[in-house]
C-alpha atoms as a PDB file:
ATOM      1  CA  ARG A   1      -4.826 -30.964  27.932  1.00  0.00           C
ATOM      2  CA  ASP A   2      -5.318 -34.437  29.137  1.00  0.00           C
ATOM      3  CA  ARG A   3      -9.026 -34.427  30.061  1.00  0.00           C
ATOM      4  CA  SER A   4      -8.097 -37.424  32.689  1.00  0.00           C
ATOM      5  CA  LEU A   5      -6.433 -34.724  34.766  1.00  0.00           C
ATOM      6  CA  PRO A   6      -7.844 -32.513  37.342  1.00  0.00           C
ATOM      7  CA  GLY A   7      -7.832 -28.812  35.890  1.00  0.00           C
ATOM      8  CA  ASP A   8      -5.945 -27.641  39.211  1.00  0.00           C
ATOM      9  CA  HIS A   9      -3.124 -30.231  38.308  1.00  0.00           C
ATOM     10  CA  VAL A  10      -2.829 -29.069  34.859  1.00  0.00           C
ATOM     11  CA  ARG A  11      -2.679 -25.560  36.079  1.00  0.00           C
ATOM     12  CA  ASP A  12       0.047 -26.112  38.397  1.00  0.00           C
ATOM     13  CA  ALA A  13       2.275 -27.905  36.015  1.00  0.00           C
ATOM     14  CA  PHE A  14       1.569 -25.128  33.519  1.00  0.00           C
ATOM     15  CA  VAL A  15       2.831 -22.657  36.256  1.00  0.00           C
ATOM     16  CA  ARG A  16       5.857 -24.637  37.098  1.00  0.00           C
ATOM     17  CA  SER A  17       6.796 -24.669  33.413  1.00  0.00           C
ATOM     18  CA  VAL A  18       6.205 -21.051  32.869  1.00  0.00           C
ATOM     19  CA  ALA A  19       8.103 -20.113  35.919  1.00  0.00           C
ATOM     20  CA  ARG A  20      10.949 -22.190  34.698  1.00  0.00           C
ATOM     21  CA  ALA A  21      11.052 -20.684  31.201  1.00  0.00           C
ATOM     22  CA  LEU A  22      10.866 -17.029  32.767  1.00  0.00           C
ATOM     23  CA  LYS A  23      13.804 -17.905  35.240  1.00  0.00           C
ATOM     24  CA  GLN A  24      16.182 -19.671  32.610  1.00  0.00           C
ATOM     25  CA  THR A  25      15.540 -16.367  30.500  1.00  0.00           C
ATOM     26  CA  ALA A  26      15.888 -14.001  33.123  1.00  0.00           C
ATOM     27  CA  ASP A  27      18.796 -12.287  31.640  1.00  0.00           C
ATOM     28  CA  THR A  28      16.882 -11.374  28.561  1.00  0.00           C
ATOM     29  CA  ALA A  29      14.327  -8.688  27.861  1.00  0.00           C
ATOM     30  CA  VAL A  30      12.068 -11.123  26.284  1.00  0.00           C
ATOM     31  CA  ASP A  31       8.394 -11.153  27.151  1.00  0.00           C
ATOM     32  CA  LEU A  32       6.058 -14.240  27.441  1.00  0.00           C
ATOM     33  CA  GLY A  33       2.592 -13.948  26.485  1.00  0.00           C
ATOM     34  CA  ILE A  34       0.209 -16.803  27.114  1.00  0.00           C
ATOM     35  CA  GLU A  35      -2.601 -16.865  24.434  1.00  0.00           C
ATOM     36  CA  ASN A  36      -5.988 -17.119  25.355  1.00  0.00           C
ATOM     37  CA  HIS A  37      -6.348 -20.241  23.378  1.00  0.00           C
ATOM     38  CA  GLY A  38      -8.441 -23.528  23.912  1.00  0.00           C
ATOM     39  CA  PRO A  39     -10.742 -24.305  26.906  1.00  0.00           C
ATOM     40  CA  MET A  40      -8.357 -23.576  29.654  1.00  0.00           C
ATOM     41  CA  ALA A  41      -6.824 -20.346  28.629  1.00  0.00           C
ATOM     42  CA  ASN A  42      -9.891 -18.694  27.651  1.00  0.00           C
ATOM     43  CA  ASP A  43     -11.170 -19.024  31.325  1.00  0.00           C
ATOM     44  CA  PRO A  44     -10.656 -16.023  33.274  1.00  0.00           C
ATOM     45  CA  GLN A  45     -10.307 -17.821  36.527  1.00  0.00           C
ATOM     46  CA  PHE A  46      -7.309 -19.948  34.850  1.00  0.00           C
ATOM     47  CA  LEU A  47      -5.821 -16.872  33.791  1.00  0.00           C
ATOM     48  CA  ASP A  48      -6.327 -15.083  36.935  1.00  0.00           C
ATOM     49  CA  GLU A  49      -4.791 -17.941  38.975  1.00  0.00           C
ATOM     50  CA  VAL A  50      -1.650 -18.294  36.483  1.00  0.00           C
ATOM     51  CA  PHE A  51      -0.889 -14.642  36.653  1.00  0.00           C
ATOM     52  CA  ALA A  52      -1.399 -14.549  40.690  1.00  0.00           C
ATOM     53  CA  ALA A  53       0.925 -17.574  40.862  1.00  0.00           C
ATOM     54  CA  ILE A  54       3.641 -15.747  38.618  1.00  0.00           C
ATOM     55  CA  GLU A  55       4.299 -12.164  39.586  1.00  0.00           C
ATOM     56  CA  ASN A  56       6.661 -11.358  36.768  1.00  0.00           C
ATOM     57  CA  PRO A  57       6.152  -8.181  34.332  1.00  0.00           C
ATOM     58  CA  ARG A  58       7.532 -10.141  31.780  1.00  0.00           C
ATOM     59  CA  LEU A  59       4.293 -12.530  31.770  1.00  0.00           C
ATOM     60  CA  GLY A  60       1.454 -11.173  30.130  1.00  0.00           C
ATOM     61  CA  LEU A  61      -1.300 -12.126  27.332  1.00  0.00           C
ATOM     62  CA  THR A  62      -1.047 -12.856  23.698  1.00  0.00           C
ATOM     63  CA  LEU A  63      -4.587 -11.626  23.071  1.00  0.00           C
ATOM     64  CA  ASP A  64      -6.622 -13.281  20.322  1.00  0.00           C
ATOM     65  CA  THR A  65      -9.596 -10.967  19.943  1.00  0.00           C
ATOM     66  CA  GLY A  66     -11.507 -13.839  18.639  1.00  0.00           C
ATOM     67  CA  ASN A  67     -10.934 -16.465  21.295  1.00  0.00           C
ATOM     68  CA  PHE A  68     -12.734 -15.171  24.234  1.00  0.00           C
ATOM     69  CA  TYR A  69     -15.786 -15.045  21.827  1.00  0.00           C
ATOM     70  CA  TRP A  70     -15.079 -18.496  20.504  1.00  0.00           C
ATOM     71  CA  PHE A  71     -15.021 -20.063  24.012  1.00  0.00           C
ATOM     72  CA  GLY A  72     -18.536 -18.969  24.420  1.00  0.00           C
ATOM     73  CA  HIS A  73     -18.377 -15.573  26.215  1.00  0.00           C
ATOM     74  CA  PRO A  74     -21.438 -13.347  25.391  1.00  0.00           C
ATOM     75  CA  LEU A  75     -20.098 -10.336  23.313  1.00  0.00           C
ATOM     76  CA  SER A  76     -20.542  -7.798  26.010  1.00  0.00           C
ATOM     77  CA  ASP A  77     -18.534  -9.793  28.411  1.00  0.00           C
ATOM     78  CA  VAL A  78     -15.770 -10.168  25.746  1.00  0.00           C
ATOM     79  CA  TYR A  79     -14.989  -6.414  26.155  1.00  0.00           C
ATOM     80  CA  ARG A  80     -15.225  -6.484  29.667  1.00  0.00           C
ATOM     81  CA  ILE A  81     -12.652  -9.695  29.672  1.00  0.00           C
ATOM     82  CA  ILE A  82     -10.420  -7.705  27.280  1.00  0.00           C
ATOM     83  CA  GLU A  83     -10.637  -4.434  29.357  1.00  0.00           C
ATOM     84  CA  ARG A  84      -9.417  -6.723  32.042  1.00  0.00           C
ATOM     85  CA  TYR A  85      -6.616  -7.785  30.683  1.00  0.00           C
ATOM     86  CA  ALA A  86      -5.504  -5.258  28.572  1.00  0.00           C
ATOM     87  CA  PRO A  87      -2.643  -4.151  30.750  1.00  0.00           C
ATOM     88  CA  ARG A  88      -1.094  -7.401  30.480  1.00  0.00           C
ATOM     89  CA  VAL A  89      -1.264  -7.634  26.917  1.00  0.00           C
ATOM     90  CA  LYS A  90       2.008  -8.377  25.104  1.00  0.00           C
ATOM     91  CA  HIS A  91       0.909  -9.269  21.576  1.00  0.00           C
ATOM     92  CA  THR A  92      -2.374  -9.351  19.540  1.00  0.00           C
ATOM     93  CA  HIS A  93      -3.885 -11.527  17.196  1.00  0.00           C
ATOM     94  CA  VAL A  94      -6.871  -9.816  15.626  1.00  0.00           C
ATOM     95  CA  LYS A  95      -9.647 -12.043  14.621  1.00  0.00           C
ATOM     96  CA  ASN A  96     -13.295 -11.900  14.352  1.00  0.00           C
ATOM     97  CA  ILE A  97     -16.525 -14.138  14.424  1.00  0.00           C
ATOM     98  CA  ASN A  98     -19.745 -13.458  13.012  1.00  0.00           C
ATOM     99  CA  TYR A  99     -22.497 -15.301  15.341  1.00  0.00           C
ATOM    100  CA  PRO A 100     -26.193 -14.289  14.524  1.00  0.00           C
ATOM    101  CA  PRO A 101     -27.869 -11.717  16.521  1.00  0.00           C
ATOM    102  CA  ASP A 102     -29.737 -14.361  18.589  1.00  0.00           C
ATOM    103  CA  LEU A 103     -26.345 -15.913  19.521  1.00  0.00           C
ATOM    104  CA  ALA A 104     -24.092 -13.026  20.224  1.00  0.00           C
ATOM    105  CA  GLU A 105     -25.139 -12.214  23.632  1.00  0.00           C
ATOM    106  CA  GLN A 106     -25.963 -16.033  24.639  1.00  0.00           C
ATOM    107  CA  ARG A 107     -23.572 -18.233  26.731  1.00  0.00           C
ATOM    108  CA  ARG A 108     -22.550 -20.569  24.124  1.00  0.00           C
ATOM    109  CA  PRO A 109     -20.937 -23.991  23.734  1.00  0.00           C
ATOM    110  CA  VAL A 110     -17.017 -23.845  23.232  1.00  0.00           C
ATOM    111  CA  GLY A 111     -16.430 -23.352  19.558  1.00  0.00           C
ATOM    112  CA  LEU A 112     -19.958 -23.430  18.477  1.00  0.00           C
ATOM    113  CA  ASP A 113     -19.919 -23.770  14.688  1.00  0.00           C
ATOM    114  CA  TYR A 114     -16.790 -21.891  14.775  1.00  0.00           C
ATOM    115  CA  GLY A 115     -15.912 -22.821  10.719  1.00  0.00           C
ATOM    116  CA  LYS A 116     -19.181 -21.472   9.801  1.00  0.00           C
ATOM    117  CA  TYR A 117     -19.039 -18.270  11.587  1.00  0.00           C
ATOM    118  CA  CYS A 118     -15.315 -17.262  11.616  1.00  0.00           C
ATOM    119  CA  CYS A 119     -15.190 -14.141   9.132  1.00  0.00           C
ATOM    120  CA  PRO A 120     -12.987 -11.548   7.562  1.00  0.00           C
ATOM    121  CA  LEU A 121     -12.401  -9.020  10.285  1.00  0.00           C
ATOM    122  CA  ASP A 122     -14.634  -6.215   8.650  1.00  0.00           C
ATOM    123  CA  GLU A 123     -17.783  -8.784   8.687  1.00  0.00           C
ATOM    124  CA  GLY A 124     -17.533  -9.841  12.567  1.00  0.00           C
ATOM    125  CA  ASN A 125     -19.521  -8.981  15.576  1.00  0.00           C
ATOM    126  CA  LEU A 126     -16.464  -7.657  17.384  1.00  0.00           C
ATOM    127  CA  ASP A 127     -15.940  -3.747  17.391  1.00  0.00           C
ATOM    128  CA  LEU A 128     -12.345  -3.818  16.473  1.00  0.00           C
ATOM    129  CA  ARG A 129     -12.209   0.236  17.023  1.00  0.00           C
ATOM    130  CA  ARG A 130     -13.477  -0.668  20.350  1.00  0.00           C
ATOM    131  CA  VAL A 131     -10.970  -3.484  20.946  1.00  0.00           C
ATOM    132  CA  VAL A 132      -8.036  -1.195  19.813  1.00  0.00           C
ATOM    133  CA  ALA A 133      -9.486   1.754  22.093  1.00  0.00           C
ATOM    134  CA  ILE A 134      -9.427  -0.533  25.008  1.00  0.00           C
ATOM    135  CA  LEU A 135      -5.813  -1.691  24.287  1.00  0.00           C
ATOM    136  CA  ARG A 136      -4.443   1.734  23.773  1.00  0.00           C
ATOM    137  CA  ALA A 137      -6.152   2.939  27.108  1.00  0.00           C
ATOM    138  CA  ALA A 138      -4.297   0.520  28.789  1.00  0.00           C
ATOM    139  CA  GLY A 139      -0.912   1.700  27.259  1.00  0.00           C
ATOM    140  CA  TYR A 140      -0.872  -1.001  24.419  1.00  0.00           C
ATOM    141  CA  ASP A 141       1.560   0.104  21.663  1.00  0.00           C
ATOM    142  CA  ARG A 142       2.493  -3.124  20.033  1.00  0.00           C
ATOM    143  CA  THR A 143       1.759  -5.344  16.912  1.00  0.00           C
ATOM    144  CA  LEU A 144      -1.717  -5.938  16.005  1.00  0.00           C
ATOM    145  CA  CYS A 145      -1.197  -9.161  13.630  1.00  0.00           C
ATOM    146  CA  VAL A 146      -4.158 -10.178  11.186  1.00  0.00           C
ATOM    147  CA  GLU A 147      -5.557 -13.638  11.737  1.00  0.00           C
ATOM    148  CA  ASP A 148      -8.136 -14.452   9.425  1.00  0.00           C
ATOM    149  CA  GLU A 149      -8.890 -18.111   9.888  1.00  0.00           C
ATOM    150  CA  SER A 150     -12.179 -17.722   7.309  1.00  0.00           C
ATOM    151  CA  ILE A 151      -9.680 -17.077   4.578  1.00  0.00           C
ATOM    152  CA  GLY A 152      -9.993 -20.808   3.321  1.00  0.00           C
ATOM    153  CA  LYS A 153     -13.540 -20.512   2.821  1.00  0.00           C
ATOM    154  CA  ALA A 154     -12.844 -17.732   0.158  1.00  0.00           C
ATOM    155  CA  PRO A 155     -12.507 -18.810  -3.351  1.00  0.00           C
ATOM    156  CA  PRO A 156      -8.593 -18.706  -4.123  1.00  0.00           C
ATOM    157  CA  GLU A 157      -8.957 -15.821  -6.509  1.00  0.00           C
ATOM    158  CA  THR A 158     -10.510 -13.648  -3.624  1.00  0.00           C
ATOM    159  CA  ARG A 159      -8.243 -14.240  -0.875  1.00  0.00           C
ATOM    160  CA  LEU A 160      -5.653 -11.527  -1.437  1.00  0.00           C
ATOM    161  CA  ALA A 161      -8.650  -9.103  -1.619  1.00  0.00           C
ATOM    162  CA  VAL A 162     -10.022 -10.519   1.760  1.00  0.00           C
ATOM    163  CA  LEU A 163      -6.712 -10.109   3.462  1.00  0.00           C
ATOM    164  CA  ARG A 164      -6.542  -6.508   2.020  1.00  0.00           C
ATOM    165  CA  ARG A 165      -9.934  -5.684   3.594  1.00  0.00           C
ATOM    166  CA  ASP A 166      -8.544  -7.274   6.789  1.00  0.00           C
ATOM    167  CA  VAL A 167      -5.512  -4.924   6.572  1.00  0.00           C
ATOM    168  CA  ASP A 168      -7.995  -1.907   6.100  1.00  0.00           C
ATOM    169  CA  ALA A 169     -10.077  -2.894   9.010  1.00  0.00           C
ATOM    170  CA  VAL A 170      -7.128  -2.819  11.276  1.00  0.00           C
ATOM    171  CA  ARG A 171      -6.026   0.371   9.926  1.00  0.00           C
ATOM    172  CA  ASP A 172      -9.432   1.690  10.480  1.00  0.00           C
ATOM    173  CA  ALA A 173      -9.523   0.740  13.825  1.00  0.00           C
ATOM    174  CA  LEU A 174      -6.039   2.196  14.508  1.00  0.00           C
ATOM    175  CA  ALA A 175      -7.322   5.594  12.849  1.00  0.00           C
ATOM    176  CA  HIS A 176     -10.628   5.741  14.793  1.00  0.00           C
ATOM    177  CA  ALA A 177      -9.843   4.206  18.217  1.00  0.00           C
END
């Protein structure tokens, strides 16, 4: 976003664009998910304002499980935020972050040392079983896509094994949620 523009100006322009896209595709059954990505779309106030302005069942959230945490929300708040938006989730990217215990429940600056703390799904602070249970309770029965941004930190010869662990973590969450 252009930092010189006020947030409400950006939000209003975003709402107009999304409403136009939904109108232009009204004859389709295609959903549109706003990803909780970047500083604006990880702010529940921004999401609430967009959803209030566009009351269309095709509009929802592309949930990135790590992004609310990346944004700086304390871990316990992340679960509450996911619960809040779970009925609107249209697609899910499963990602994890492993902040040290002294940072997990703190409000942190956006993106604090993300490259250092992003991790494979089975090493992070987010309880994937809990996240899947929240989504299921809201009726979500769509795809869970692995998004492991830590893969570049692994030696090339171990990356396939890391991705297999990620898939196993998702399978475990699905089996035990």
